[in-house]
C-alpha atoms as a PDB file:
ATOM      1  CA  UNK A   1       0.000   0.000   0.000  1.00  0.00           C
ATOM      2  CA  UNK A   2       1.082   3.545  -0.675  1.00  0.00           C
ATOM      3  CA  UNK A   3       1.903   5.999   2.106  1.00  0.00           C
ATOM      4  CA  UNK A   4       0.084   9.235   1.313  1.00  0.00           C
ATOM      5  CA  UNK A   5       0.329  12.570   3.094  1.00  0.00           C
ATOM      6  CA  UNK A   6      -2.784  14.702   3.053  1.00  0.00           C
ATOM      7  CA  UNK A   7      -3.131  18.425   3.752  1.00  0.00           C
ATOM      8  CA  UNK A   8      -4.108  19.501   7.213  1.00  0.00           C
ATOM      9  CA  UNK A   9      -7.694  20.642   7.592  1.00  0.00           C
ATOM     10  CA  UNK A  10      -8.125  24.401   8.140  1.00  0.00           C
ATOM     11  CA  UNK A  11     -10.802  23.498  10.707  1.00  0.00           C
ATOM     12  CA  UNK A  12      -9.336  22.033  13.903  1.00  0.00           C
ATOM     13  CA  UNK A  13     -10.988  19.306  15.923  1.00  0.00           C
ATOM     14  CA  UNK A  14     -13.505  20.921  18.237  1.00  0.00           C
ATOM     15  CA  UNK A  15     -13.145  20.826  21.972  1.00  0.00           C
ATOM     16  CA  UNK A  16     -16.206  18.758  22.859  1.00  0.00           C
ATOM     17  CA  UNK A  17     -17.144  21.283  25.539  1.00  0.00           C
ATOM     18  CA  UNK A  18     -17.469  23.985  22.862  1.00  0.00           C
ATOM     19  CA  UNK A  19     -20.288  22.368  20.859  1.00  0.00           C
ATOM     20  CA  UNK A  20     -23.762  21.204  21.896  1.00  0.00           C
ATOM     21  CA  UNK A  21     -23.870  17.687  23.334  1.00  0.00           C
ATOM     22  CA  UNK A  22     -26.986  16.326  21.653  1.00  0.00           C
ATOM     23  CA  UNK A  23     -26.666  12.569  22.072  1.00  0.00           C
ATOM     24  CA  UNK A  24     -27.438  10.846  25.385  1.00  0.00           C
ATOM     25  CA  UNK A  25     -25.012   8.060  24.466  1.00  0.00           C
ATOM     26  CA  UNK A  26     -21.312   7.947  25.318  1.00  0.00           C
ATOM     27  CA  UNK A  27     -20.098   6.263  22.193  1.00  0.00           C
ATOM     28  CA  UNK A  28     -16.635   4.824  21.426  1.00  0.00           C
ATOM     29  CA  UNK A  29     -15.188   6.824  18.554  1.00  0.00           C
ATOM     30  CA  UNK A  30     -17.868   9.504  18.920  1.00  0.00           C
ATOM     31  CA  UNK A  31     -17.749  12.398  16.477  1.00  0.00           C
ATOM     32  CA  UNK A  32     -18.578  15.457  18.575  1.00  0.00           C
ATOM     33  CA  UNK A  33     -15.132  16.804  17.641  1.00  0.00           C
ATOM     34  CA  UNK A  34     -16.239  16.755  13.981  1.00  0.00           C
ATOM     35  CA  UNK A  35     -19.253  19.058  14.388  1.00  0.00           C
ATOM     36  CA  UNK A  36     -17.549  22.178  12.914  1.00  0.00           C
ATOM     37  CA  UNK A  37     -16.549  20.143   9.844  1.00  0.00           C
ATOM     38  CA  UNK A  38     -20.093  18.854   9.433  1.00  0.00           C
ATOM     39  CA  UNK A  39     -21.540  22.357   9.633  1.00  0.00           C
ATOM     40  CA  UNK A  40     -19.058  23.730   7.091  1.00  0.00           C
ATOM     41  CA  UNK A  41     -19.503  20.779   4.732  1.00  0.00           C
ATOM     42  CA  UNK A  42     -23.305  20.855   4.714  1.00  0.00           C
ATOM     43  CA  UNK A  43     -23.345  24.654   4.415  1.00  0.00           C
ATOM     44  CA  UNK A  44     -21.104  24.389   1.344  1.00  0.00           C
ATOM     45  CA  UNK A  45     -23.517  22.163  -0.593  1.00  0.00           C
ATOM     46  CA  UNK A  46     -25.915  23.685  -3.112  1.00  0.00           C
ATOM     47  CA  UNK A  47     -28.791  23.128  -3.171  1.00  0.00           C
ATOM     48  CA  UNK A  48     -29.299  22.514   0.531  1.00  0.00           C
ATOM     49  CA  UNK A  49     -29.461  18.761   1.189  1.00  0.00           C
ATOM     50  CA  UNK A  50     -32.854  17.385   2.109  1.00  0.00           C
ATOM     51  CA  UNK A  51     -31.806  14.007   3.521  1.00  0.00           C
ATOM     52  CA  UNK A  52     -28.700  13.001   5.480  1.00  0.00           C
ATOM     53  CA  UNK A  53     -28.070   9.248   5.457  1.00  0.00           C
ATOM     54  CA  UNK A  54     -25.950   7.947   8.362  1.00  0.00           C
ATOM     55  CA  UNK A  55     -25.500   4.188   7.819  1.00  0.00           C
ATOM     56  CA  UNK A  56     -23.418   3.499  10.952  1.00  0.00           C
ATOM     57  CA  UNK A  57     -25.488   5.385  13.494  1.00  0.00           C
ATOM     58  CA  UNK A  58     -23.881   4.784  16.886  1.00  0.00           C
ATOM     59  CA  UNK A  59     -24.325   7.884  19.019  1.00  0.00           C
ATOM     60  CA  UNK A  60     -25.717   9.741  15.969  1.00  0.00           C
ATOM     61  CA  UNK A  61     -24.182  13.114  16.852  1.00  0.00           C
ATOM     62  CA  UNK A  62     -23.907  14.020  13.166  1.00  0.00           C
ATOM     63  CA  UNK A  63     -27.537  13.246  12.343  1.00  0.00           C
ATOM     64  CA  UNK A  64     -28.787  14.995  15.478  1.00  0.00           C
ATOM     65  CA  UNK A  65     -26.688  18.083  14.786  1.00  0.00           C
ATOM     66  CA  UNK A  66     -27.740  18.272  11.140  1.00  0.00           C
ATOM     67  CA  UNK A  67     -31.457  17.988  11.921  1.00  0.00           C
ATOM     68  CA  UNK A  68     -31.553  20.125  15.058  1.00  0.00           C
ATOM     69  CA  UNK A  69     -29.545  22.947  13.465  1.00  0.00           C
ATOM     70  CA  UNK A  70     -31.591  22.910  10.259  1.00  0.00           C
ATOM     71  CA  UNK A  71     -28.655  21.863   8.078  1.00  0.00           C
ATOM     72  CA  UNK A  72     -30.863  19.198   6.456  1.00  0.00           C
ATOM     73  CA  UNK A  73     -34.596  18.643   6.394  1.00  0.00           C
ATOM     74  CA  UNK A  74     -34.448  15.103   7.735  1.00  0.00           C
ATOM     75  CA  UNK A  75     -32.118  12.191   8.360  1.00  0.00           C
ATOM     76  CA  UNK A  76     -32.092   8.440   7.925  1.00  0.00           C
ATOM     77  CA  UNK A  77     -30.203   6.759  10.752  1.00  0.00           C
ATOM     78  CA  UNK A  78     -29.253   3.070  10.618  1.00  0.00           C
ATOM     79  CA  UNK A  79     -27.743   0.840  13.298  1.00  0.00           C
ATOM     80  CA  UNK A  80     -27.219  -2.920  13.306  1.00  0.00           C
ATOM     81  CA  UNK A  81     -26.323  -3.427  16.969  1.00  0.00           C
ATOM     82  CA  UNK A  82     -29.587  -4.581  18.634  1.00  0.00           C
ATOM     83  CA  UNK A  83     -28.905  -2.795  21.928  1.00  0.00           C
ATOM     84  CA  UNK A  84     -28.028   0.530  20.318  1.00  0.00           C
ATOM     85  CA  UNK A  85     -30.976   0.097  17.964  1.00  0.00           C
ATOM     86  CA  UNK A  86     -33.262  -0.533  20.948  1.00  0.00           C
ATOM     87  CA  UNK A  87     -32.135   2.747  22.501  1.00  0.00           C
ATOM     88  CA  UNK A  88     -32.947   4.722  19.349  1.00  0.00           C
ATOM     89  CA  UNK A  89     -36.349   3.069  19.017  1.00  0.00           C
ATOM     90  CA  UNK A  90     -37.127   3.936  22.629  1.00  0.00           C
ATOM     91  CA  UNK A  91     -35.837   7.502  22.313  1.00  0.00           C
ATOM     92  CA  UNK A  92     -37.755   8.214  19.110  1.00  0.00           C
ATOM     93  CA  UNK A  93     -41.001   6.352  19.864  1.00  0.00           C
ATOM     94  CA  UNK A  94     -41.274   6.333  23.671  1.00  0.00           C
ATOM     95  CA  UNK A  95     -39.482   9.525  24.691  1.00  0.00           C
ATOM     96  CA  UNK A  96     -41.651  10.604  27.665  1.00  0.00           C
ATOM     97  CA  UNK A  97     -41.676   7.106  29.176  1.00  0.00           C
ATOM     98  CA  UNK A  98     -37.917   6.796  28.732  1.00  0.00           C
ATOM     99  CA  UNK A  99     -37.431  10.141  30.494  1.00  0.00           C
ATOM    100  CA  UNK A 100     -39.500   8.887  33.437  1.00  0.00           C
ATOM    101  CA  UNK A 101     -37.343   5.784  33.708  1.00  0.00           C
ATOM    102  CA  UNK A 102     -34.166   7.871  33.689  1.00  0.00           C
ATOM    103  CA  UNK A 103     -35.380  10.220  36.412  1.00  0.00           C
ATOM    104  CA  UNK A 104     -36.470   7.313  38.599  1.00  0.00           C
ATOM    105  CA  UNK A 105     -33.274   5.255  38.373  1.00  0.00           C
ATOM    106  CA  UNK A 106     -30.522   5.236  41.012  1.00  0.00           C
ATOM    107  CA  UNK A 107     -27.313   3.881  39.425  1.00  0.00           C
ATOM    108  CA  UNK A 108     -25.970   1.809  42.296  1.00  0.00           C
ATOM    109  CA  UNK A 109     -23.688  -1.092  41.391  1.00  0.00           C
ATOM    110  CA  UNK A 110     -26.332  -3.597  42.502  1.00  0.00           C
ATOM    111  CA  UNK A 111     -29.034  -1.902  40.418  1.00  0.00           C
ATOM    112  CA  UNK A 112     -26.851  -1.697  37.308  1.00  0.00           C
ATOM    113  CA  UNK A 113     -25.645  -5.284  37.617  1.00  0.00           C
ATOM    114  CA  UNK A 114     -29.225  -6.492  38.108  1.00  0.00           C
ATOM    115  CA  UNK A 115     -30.331  -4.584  35.025  1.00  0.00           C
ATOM    116  CA  UNK A 116     -27.427  -6.021  33.032  1.00  0.00           C
ATOM    117  CA  UNK A 117     -28.616  -9.557  33.828  1.00  0.00           C
ATOM    118  CA  UNK A 118     -32.032  -8.905  32.307  1.00  0.00           C
ATOM    119  CA  UNK A 119     -32.858  -9.620  28.679  1.00  0.00           C
ATOM    120  CA  UNK A 120     -36.004  -7.555  28.013  1.00  0.00           C
ATOM    121  CA  UNK A 121     -37.850  -7.909  24.721  1.00  0.00           C
ATOM    122  CA  UNK A 122     -40.041  -4.829  25.051  1.00  0.00           C
ATOM    123  CA  UNK A 123     -38.470  -1.881  23.149  1.00  0.00           C
ATOM    124  CA  UNK A 124     -38.732   0.663  25.962  1.00  0.00           C
ATOM    125  CA  UNK A 125     -37.182  -1.637  28.568  1.00  0.00           C
ATOM    126  CA  UNK A 126     -34.409  -2.800  26.262  1.00  0.00           C
ATOM    127  CA  UNK A 127     -33.666   0.767  25.215  1.00  0.00           C
ATOM    128  CA  UNK A 128     -33.505   1.904  28.843  1.00  0.00           C
ATOM    129  CA  UNK A 129     -31.176  -0.985  29.703  1.00  0.00           C
ATOM    130  CA  UNK A 130     -28.867  -0.020  26.808  1.00  0.00           C
ATOM    131  CA  UNK A 131     -28.789   3.611  27.950  1.00  0.00           C
ATOM    132  CA  UNK A 132     -27.944   2.712  31.554  1.00  0.00           C
ATOM    133  CA  UNK A 133     -25.166   0.305  30.565  1.00  0.00           C
ATOM    134  CA  UNK A 134     -23.771   2.812  28.074  1.00  0.00           C
ATOM    135  CA  UNK A 135     -23.605   5.526  30.726  1.00  0.00           C
ATOM    136  CA  UNK A 136     -22.118   3.306  33.439  1.00  0.00           C
ATOM    137  CA  UNK A 137     -19.664   1.051  31.606  1.00  0.00           C
ATOM    138  CA  UNK A 138     -16.085   2.090  30.988  1.00  0.00           C
ATOM    139  CA  UNK A 139     -15.878   4.157  27.812  1.00  0.00           C
ATOM    140  CA  UNK A 140     -19.576   3.610  27.091  1.00  0.00           C
ATOM    141  CA  UNK A 141     -18.777   0.189  25.606  1.00  0.00           C
ATOM    142  CA  UNK A 142     -21.781  -2.098  25.100  1.00  0.00           C
ATOM    143  CA  UNK A 143     -19.913  -5.018  23.510  1.00  0.00           C
ATOM    144  CA  UNK A 144     -19.868  -8.307  25.471  1.00  0.00           C
ATOM    145  CA  UNK A 145     -17.307  -8.394  28.260  1.00  0.00           C
ATOM    146  CA  UNK A 146     -17.256  -4.629  28.894  1.00  0.00           C
ATOM    147  CA  UNK A 147     -16.714  -3.726  32.543  1.00  0.00           C
ATOM    148  CA  UNK A 148     -18.451  -1.168  34.713  1.00  0.00           C
ATOM    149  CA  UNK A 149     -16.744   2.108  35.548  1.00  0.00           C
ATOM    150  CA  UNK A 150     -14.784   2.001  38.776  1.00  0.00           C
ATOM    151  CA  UNK A 151     -13.442   5.312  40.024  1.00  0.00           C
ATOM    152  CA  UNK A 152     -15.247   7.387  37.402  1.00  0.00           C
ATOM    153  CA  UNK A 153     -14.972  11.165  37.364  1.00  0.00           C
ATOM    154  CA  UNK A 154     -13.767  12.639  40.672  1.00  0.00           C
ATOM    155  CA  UNK A 155     -14.084   9.208  42.267  1.00  0.00           C
ATOM    156  CA  UNK A 156     -17.881   9.172  41.872  1.00  0.00           C
ATOM    157  CA  UNK A 157     -17.938   5.702  40.361  1.00  0.00           C
ATOM    158  CA  UNK A 158     -20.969   4.660  38.319  1.00  0.00           C
ATOM    159  CA  UNK A 159     -22.853   7.867  39.072  1.00  0.00           C
ATOM    160  CA  UNK A 160     -20.091  10.015  37.575  1.00  0.00           C
ATOM    161  CA  UNK A 161     -21.612   9.724  34.096  1.00  0.00           C
ATOM    162  CA  UNK A 162     -25.251   9.558  35.140  1.00  0.00           C
ATOM    163  CA  UNK A 163     -26.730  13.053  34.907  1.00  0.00           C
ATOM    164  CA  UNK A 164     -30.502  12.440  34.896  1.00  0.00           C
ATOM    165  CA  UNK A 165     -31.581  16.011  34.139  1.00  0.00           C
ATOM    166  CA  UNK A 166     -29.020  16.390  31.344  1.00  0.00           C
ATOM    167  CA  UNK A 167     -29.917  13.038  29.799  1.00  0.00           C
ATOM    168  CA  UNK A 168     -33.620  13.897  29.953  1.00  0.00           C
ATOM    169  CA  UNK A 169     -32.985  17.284  28.327  1.00  0.00           C
ATOM    170  CA  UNK A 170     -31.267  15.569  25.406  1.00  0.00           C
ATOM    171  CA  UNK A 171     -34.030  12.968  25.137  1.00  0.00           C
ATOM    172  CA  UNK A 172     -36.655  15.714  25.055  1.00  0.00           C
ATOM    173  CA  UNK A 173     -34.810  17.454  22.213  1.00  0.00           C
ATOM    174  CA  UNK A 174     -34.712  14.185  20.282  1.00  0.00           C
ATOM    175  CA  UNK A 175     -38.456  13.681  20.840  1.00  0.00           C
ATOM    176  CA  UNK A 176     -39.114  17.202  19.565  1.00  0.00           C
ATOM    177  CA  UNK A 177     -37.399  16.329  16.269  1.00  0.00           C
ATOM    178  CA  UNK A 178     -38.504  12.691  16.024  1.00  0.00           C
ATOM    179  CA  UNK A 179     -40.756  13.340  13.031  1.00  0.00           C
ATOM    180  CA  UNK A 180     -37.643  14.271  11.027  1.00  0.00           C
ATOM    181  CA  UNK A 181     -35.528  11.280  12.103  1.00  0.00           C
ATOM    182  CA  UNK A 182     -36.136   7.973  10.331  1.00  0.00           C
ATOM    183  CA  UNK A 183     -34.490   5.038  12.117  1.00  0.00           C
ATOM    184  CA  UNK A 184     -33.782   1.583  10.677  1.00  0.00           C
ATOM    185  CA  UNK A 185     -32.345  -1.402  12.532  1.00  0.00           C
ATOM    186  CA  UNK A 186     -30.350  -2.841   9.676  1.00  0.00           C
ATOM    187  CA  UNK A 187     -26.951  -3.147   8.050  1.00  0.00           C
ATOM    188  CA  UNK A 188     -25.507   0.177   6.933  1.00  0.00           C
ATOM    189  CA  UNK A 189     -24.402  -1.181   3.569  1.00  0.00           C
ATOM    190  CA  UNK A 190     -27.971  -2.238   2.833  1.00  0.00           C
ATOM    191  CA  UNK A 191     -29.213   1.259   3.644  1.00  0.00           C
ATOM    192  CA  UNK A 192     -26.667   2.754   1.253  1.00  0.00           C
ATOM    193  CA  UNK A 193     -27.702   0.368  -1.503  1.00  0.00           C
ATOM    194  CA  UNK A 194     -31.375   1.211  -1.014  1.00  0.00           C
ATOM    195  CA  UNK A 195     -31.335   4.957  -0.348  1.00  0.00           C
ATOM    196  CA  UNK A 196     -28.119   6.457  -1.738  1.00  0.00           C
ATOM    197  CA  UNK A 197     -29.913   7.279  -4.968  1.00  0.00           C
ATOM    198  CA  UNK A 198     -32.564   9.372  -3.213  1.00  0.00           C
ATOM    199  CA  UNK A 199     -32.687  12.865  -4.770  1.00  0.00           C
ATOM    200  CA  UNK A 200     -31.333  15.563  -2.477  1.00  0.00           C
ATOM    201  CA  UNK A 201     -29.530  13.092  -0.222  1.00  0.00           C
ATOM    202  CA  UNK A 202     -26.001  13.174   1.238  1.00  0.00           C
ATOM    203  CA  UNK A 203     -24.121  10.505   3.183  1.00  0.00           C
ATOM    204  CA  UNK A 204     -22.088  10.695   6.358  1.00  0.00           C
ATOM    205  CA  UNK A 205     -20.307   7.438   7.210  1.00  0.00           C
ATOM    206  CA  UNK A 206     -18.126   6.685  10.220  1.00  0.00           C
ATOM    207  CA  UNK A 207     -17.563   2.914  10.005  1.00  0.00           C
ATOM    208  CA  UNK A 208     -16.374   0.850  12.970  1.00  0.00           C
ATOM    209  CA  UNK A 209     -12.633   1.240  12.751  1.00  0.00           C
ATOM    210  CA  UNK A 210     -11.149  -2.124  11.858  1.00  0.00           C
ATOM    211  CA  UNK A 211      -9.211  -0.892   8.813  1.00  0.00           C
ATOM    212  CA  UNK A 212      -5.448  -1.045   8.594  1.00  0.00           C
ATOM    213  CA  UNK A 213      -5.180  -3.995  10.986  1.00  0.00           C
ATOM    214  CA  UNK A 214      -6.890  -2.137  13.842  1.00  0.00           C
ATOM    215  CA  UNK A 215      -8.266  -4.435  16.541  1.00  0.00           C
ATOM    216  CA  UNK A 216     -10.170  -1.820  18.515  1.00  0.00           C
ATOM    217  CA  UNK A 217     -13.410  -2.402  16.639  1.00  0.00           C
ATOM    218  CA  UNK A 218     -13.526  -5.977  17.862  1.00  0.00           C
ATOM    219  CA  UNK A 219     -13.332  -4.783  21.462  1.00  0.00           C
ATOM    220  CA  UNK A 220     -15.613  -1.744  21.214  1.00  0.00           C
ATOM    221  CA  UNK A 221     -18.464  -2.901  18.993  1.00  0.00           C
ATOM    222  CA  UNK A 222     -20.693  -5.960  18.780  1.00  0.00           C
ATOM    223  CA  UNK A 223     -20.850  -5.575  14.970  1.00  0.00           C
ATOM    224  CA  UNK A 224     -17.466  -4.489  13.692  1.00  0.00           C
ATOM    225  CA  UNK A 225     -16.911  -6.188  10.331  1.00  0.00           C
ATOM    226  CA  UNK A 226     -17.057  -3.709   7.443  1.00  0.00           C
ATOM    227  CA  UNK A 227     -15.894  -4.305   3.880  1.00  0.00           C
ATOM    228  CA  UNK A 228     -14.020  -1.008   3.518  1.00  0.00           C
ATOM    229  CA  UNK A 229     -13.093  -1.375  -0.202  1.00  0.00           C
ATOM    230  CA  UNK A 230     -16.745  -2.126  -0.981  1.00  0.00           C
ATOM    231  CA  UNK A 231     -17.888   0.925   0.973  1.00  0.00           C
ATOM    232  CA  UNK A 232     -15.511   3.155  -1.004  1.00  0.00           C
ATOM    233  CA  UNK A 233     -16.670   1.625  -4.284  1.00  0.00           C
ATOM    234  CA  UNK A 234     -20.347   2.094  -3.385  1.00  0.00           C
ATOM    235  CA  UNK A 235     -19.791   5.768  -2.625  1.00  0.00           C
ATOM    236  CA  UNK A 236     -17.737   6.236  -5.797  1.00  0.00           C
ATOM    237  CA  UNK A 237     -20.604   4.760  -7.854  1.00  0.00           C
ATOM    238  CA  UNK A 238     -23.417   6.598  -6.036  1.00  0.00           C
ATOM    239  CA  UNK A 239     -24.645  10.082  -6.848  1.00  0.00           C
ATOM    240  CA  UNK A 240     -24.767  11.801  -3.427  1.00  0.00           C
ATOM    241  CA  UNK A 241     -22.029  13.872  -1.913  1.00  0.00           C
ATOM    242  CA  UNK A 242     -20.538  12.199   1.135  1.00  0.00           C
ATOM    243  CA  UNK A 243     -18.208  12.607   4.072  1.00  0.00           C
ATOM    244  CA  UNK A 244     -16.228   9.701   5.532  1.00  0.00           C
ATOM    245  CA  UNK A 245     -14.095   9.654   8.661  1.00  0.00           C
ATOM    246  CA  UNK A 246     -11.327   7.130   9.230  1.00  0.00           C
ATOM    247  CA  UNK A 247      -8.131   6.593  11.149  1.00  0.00           C
ATOM    248  CA  UNK A 248      -5.179   7.635   9.010  1.00  0.00           C
ATOM    249  CA  UNK A 249      -4.216   4.075   8.010  1.00  0.00           C
ATOM    250  CA  UNK A 250      -2.209   3.125   4.877  1.00  0.00           C
ATOM    251  CA  UNK A 251      -5.081   0.942   3.647  1.00  0.00           C
ATOM    252  CA  UNK A 252      -7.480   3.896   3.745  1.00  0.00           C
ATOM    253  CA  UNK A 253      -4.992   6.317   2.202  1.00  0.00           C
ATOM    254  CA  UNK A 254      -4.609   3.876  -0.669  1.00  0.00           C
ATOM    255  CA  UNK A 255      -8.395   3.690  -1.175  1.00  0.00           C
ATOM    256  CA  UNK A 256      -8.618   7.496  -1.189  1.00  0.00           C
ATOM    257  CA  UNK A 257      -5.927   7.692  -3.866  1.00  0.00           C
ATOM    258  CA  UNK A 258      -7.397   4.856  -5.925  1.00  0.00           C
ATOM    259  CA  UNK A 259     -10.835   6.491  -6.154  1.00  0.00           C
ATOM    260  CA  UNK A 260      -9.559  10.049  -6.577  1.00  0.00           C
ATOM    261  CA  UNK A 261     -11.302  11.254  -3.426  1.00  0.00           C
ATOM    262  CA  UNK A 262     -10.219  14.267  -1.403  1.00  0.00           C
ATOM    263  CA  UNK A 263      -8.959  13.951   2.176  1.00  0.00           C
ATOM    264  CA  UNK A 264      -7.668  16.253   4.899  1.00  0.00           C
ATOM    265  CA  UNK A 265      -5.992  15.378   8.169  1.00  0.00           C
ATOM    266  CA  UNK A 266      -7.356  16.386  11.553  1.00  0.00           C
ATOM    267  CA  UNK A 267      -5.307  15.918  14.707  1.00  0.00           C
ATOM    268  CA  UNK A 268      -7.324  15.128  17.790  1.00  0.00           C
ATOM    269  CA  UNK A 269      -6.937  13.694  21.269  1.00  0.00           C
ATOM    270  CA  UNK A 270      -8.269  10.223  21.901  1.00  0.00           C
ATOM    271  CA  UNK A 271      -9.712   8.976  25.187  1.00  0.00           C
ATOM    272  CA  UNK A 272      -6.184   8.403  26.497  1.00  0.00           C
ATOM    273  CA  UNK A 273      -5.252  12.022  25.597  1.00  0.00           C
ATOM    274  CA  UNK A 274      -2.843  10.851  22.894  1.00  0.00           C
ATOM    275  CA  UNK A 275      -2.671  12.885  19.683  1.00  0.00           C
ATOM    276  CA  UNK A 276      -3.934  10.829  16.747  1.00  0.00           C
ATOM    277  CA  UNK A 277      -4.546  11.606  13.090  1.00  0.00           C
ATOM    278  CA  UNK A 278      -7.990  11.244  11.557  1.00  0.00           C
ATOM    279  CA  UNK A 279      -8.918  11.560   7.893  1.00  0.00           C
ATOM    280  CA  UNK A 280     -11.990  13.486   6.733  1.00  0.00           C
ATOM    281  CA  UNK A 281     -12.773  12.254   3.218  1.00  0.00           C
ATOM    282  CA  UNK A 282     -15.096  13.754   0.601  1.00  0.00           C
ATOM    283  CA  UNK A 283     -15.680  13.193  -3.099  1.00  0.00           C
ATOM    284  CA  UNK A 284     -13.748  16.344  -3.975  1.00  0.00           C
ATOM    285  CA  UNK A 285     -12.467  19.547  -2.369  1.00  0.00           C
ATOM    286  CA  UNK A 286     -15.057  21.630  -0.562  1.00  0.00           C
ATOM    287  CA  UNK A 287     -14.916  25.337   0.182  1.00  0.00           C
ATOM    288  CA  UNK A 288     -13.944  24.778   3.805  1.00  0.00           C
ATOM    289  CA  UNK A 289     -11.232  22.226   2.943  1.00  0.00           C
ATOM    290  CA  UNK A 290      -9.516  24.680   0.582  1.00  0.00           C
ATOM    291  CA  UNK A 291      -9.203  27.523   3.112  1.00  0.00           C
ATOM    292  CA  UNK A 292      -5.756  28.305   4.413  1.00  0.00           C
END
């Protein structure tokens, strides 16, 4: 594979405290840092996109930002993981009831462990279980084998990430925009095949990061296998504009070069406060990517 250097983005990674936190989920590889790029990218498109397709939904910060800030008319959010999918179904279809459950829950270790042992079938209960485990497990990881937080922030343990009023506020905002958010529990590739030809649509894709020999996806996500060359080919063949985010791996740099896509580098801090390089990939240069 070819080593490729890409220009540095004129837009730095955002400090997550400087942009609205719209998702109730703490998601591994979350994209809050990307919000300024998303705003600039969507603002640069003419005509204004009507539909944002996000095939690997996760915490859905991009879809929520785009809809809530009026950058698109509506979004189509897809997620294959059944627990994450259950949360989105509960948030979008049973918002008030989910808020009541959040306000009435005390996240003691016994209560969280008891909830983890349950296997509810009802969407609201399964969605609530997913939310609690996401907020109380280390790094928000829902994959099998994930452990509960220990010390947490300021030694507060499990409760350090459980802010009932804040979570409810975010859930209420999601409920207020639910008529503009279409959710599908399905494979992201299937969604792209079915909807990428929709007039006025754009695609944002942040696949589970298993490219370039990375093993993190296997630890962080229940569903982590993605055919990255196929994803690139699908986007090359489809009509909509798109934005992809990836670790700066040689395999991905080679795919960018092979398809003639445009990429910029963004340096950000990961959860361990190490500086890492991320690629923001589009079909061609955009106005914001050409600024100096």
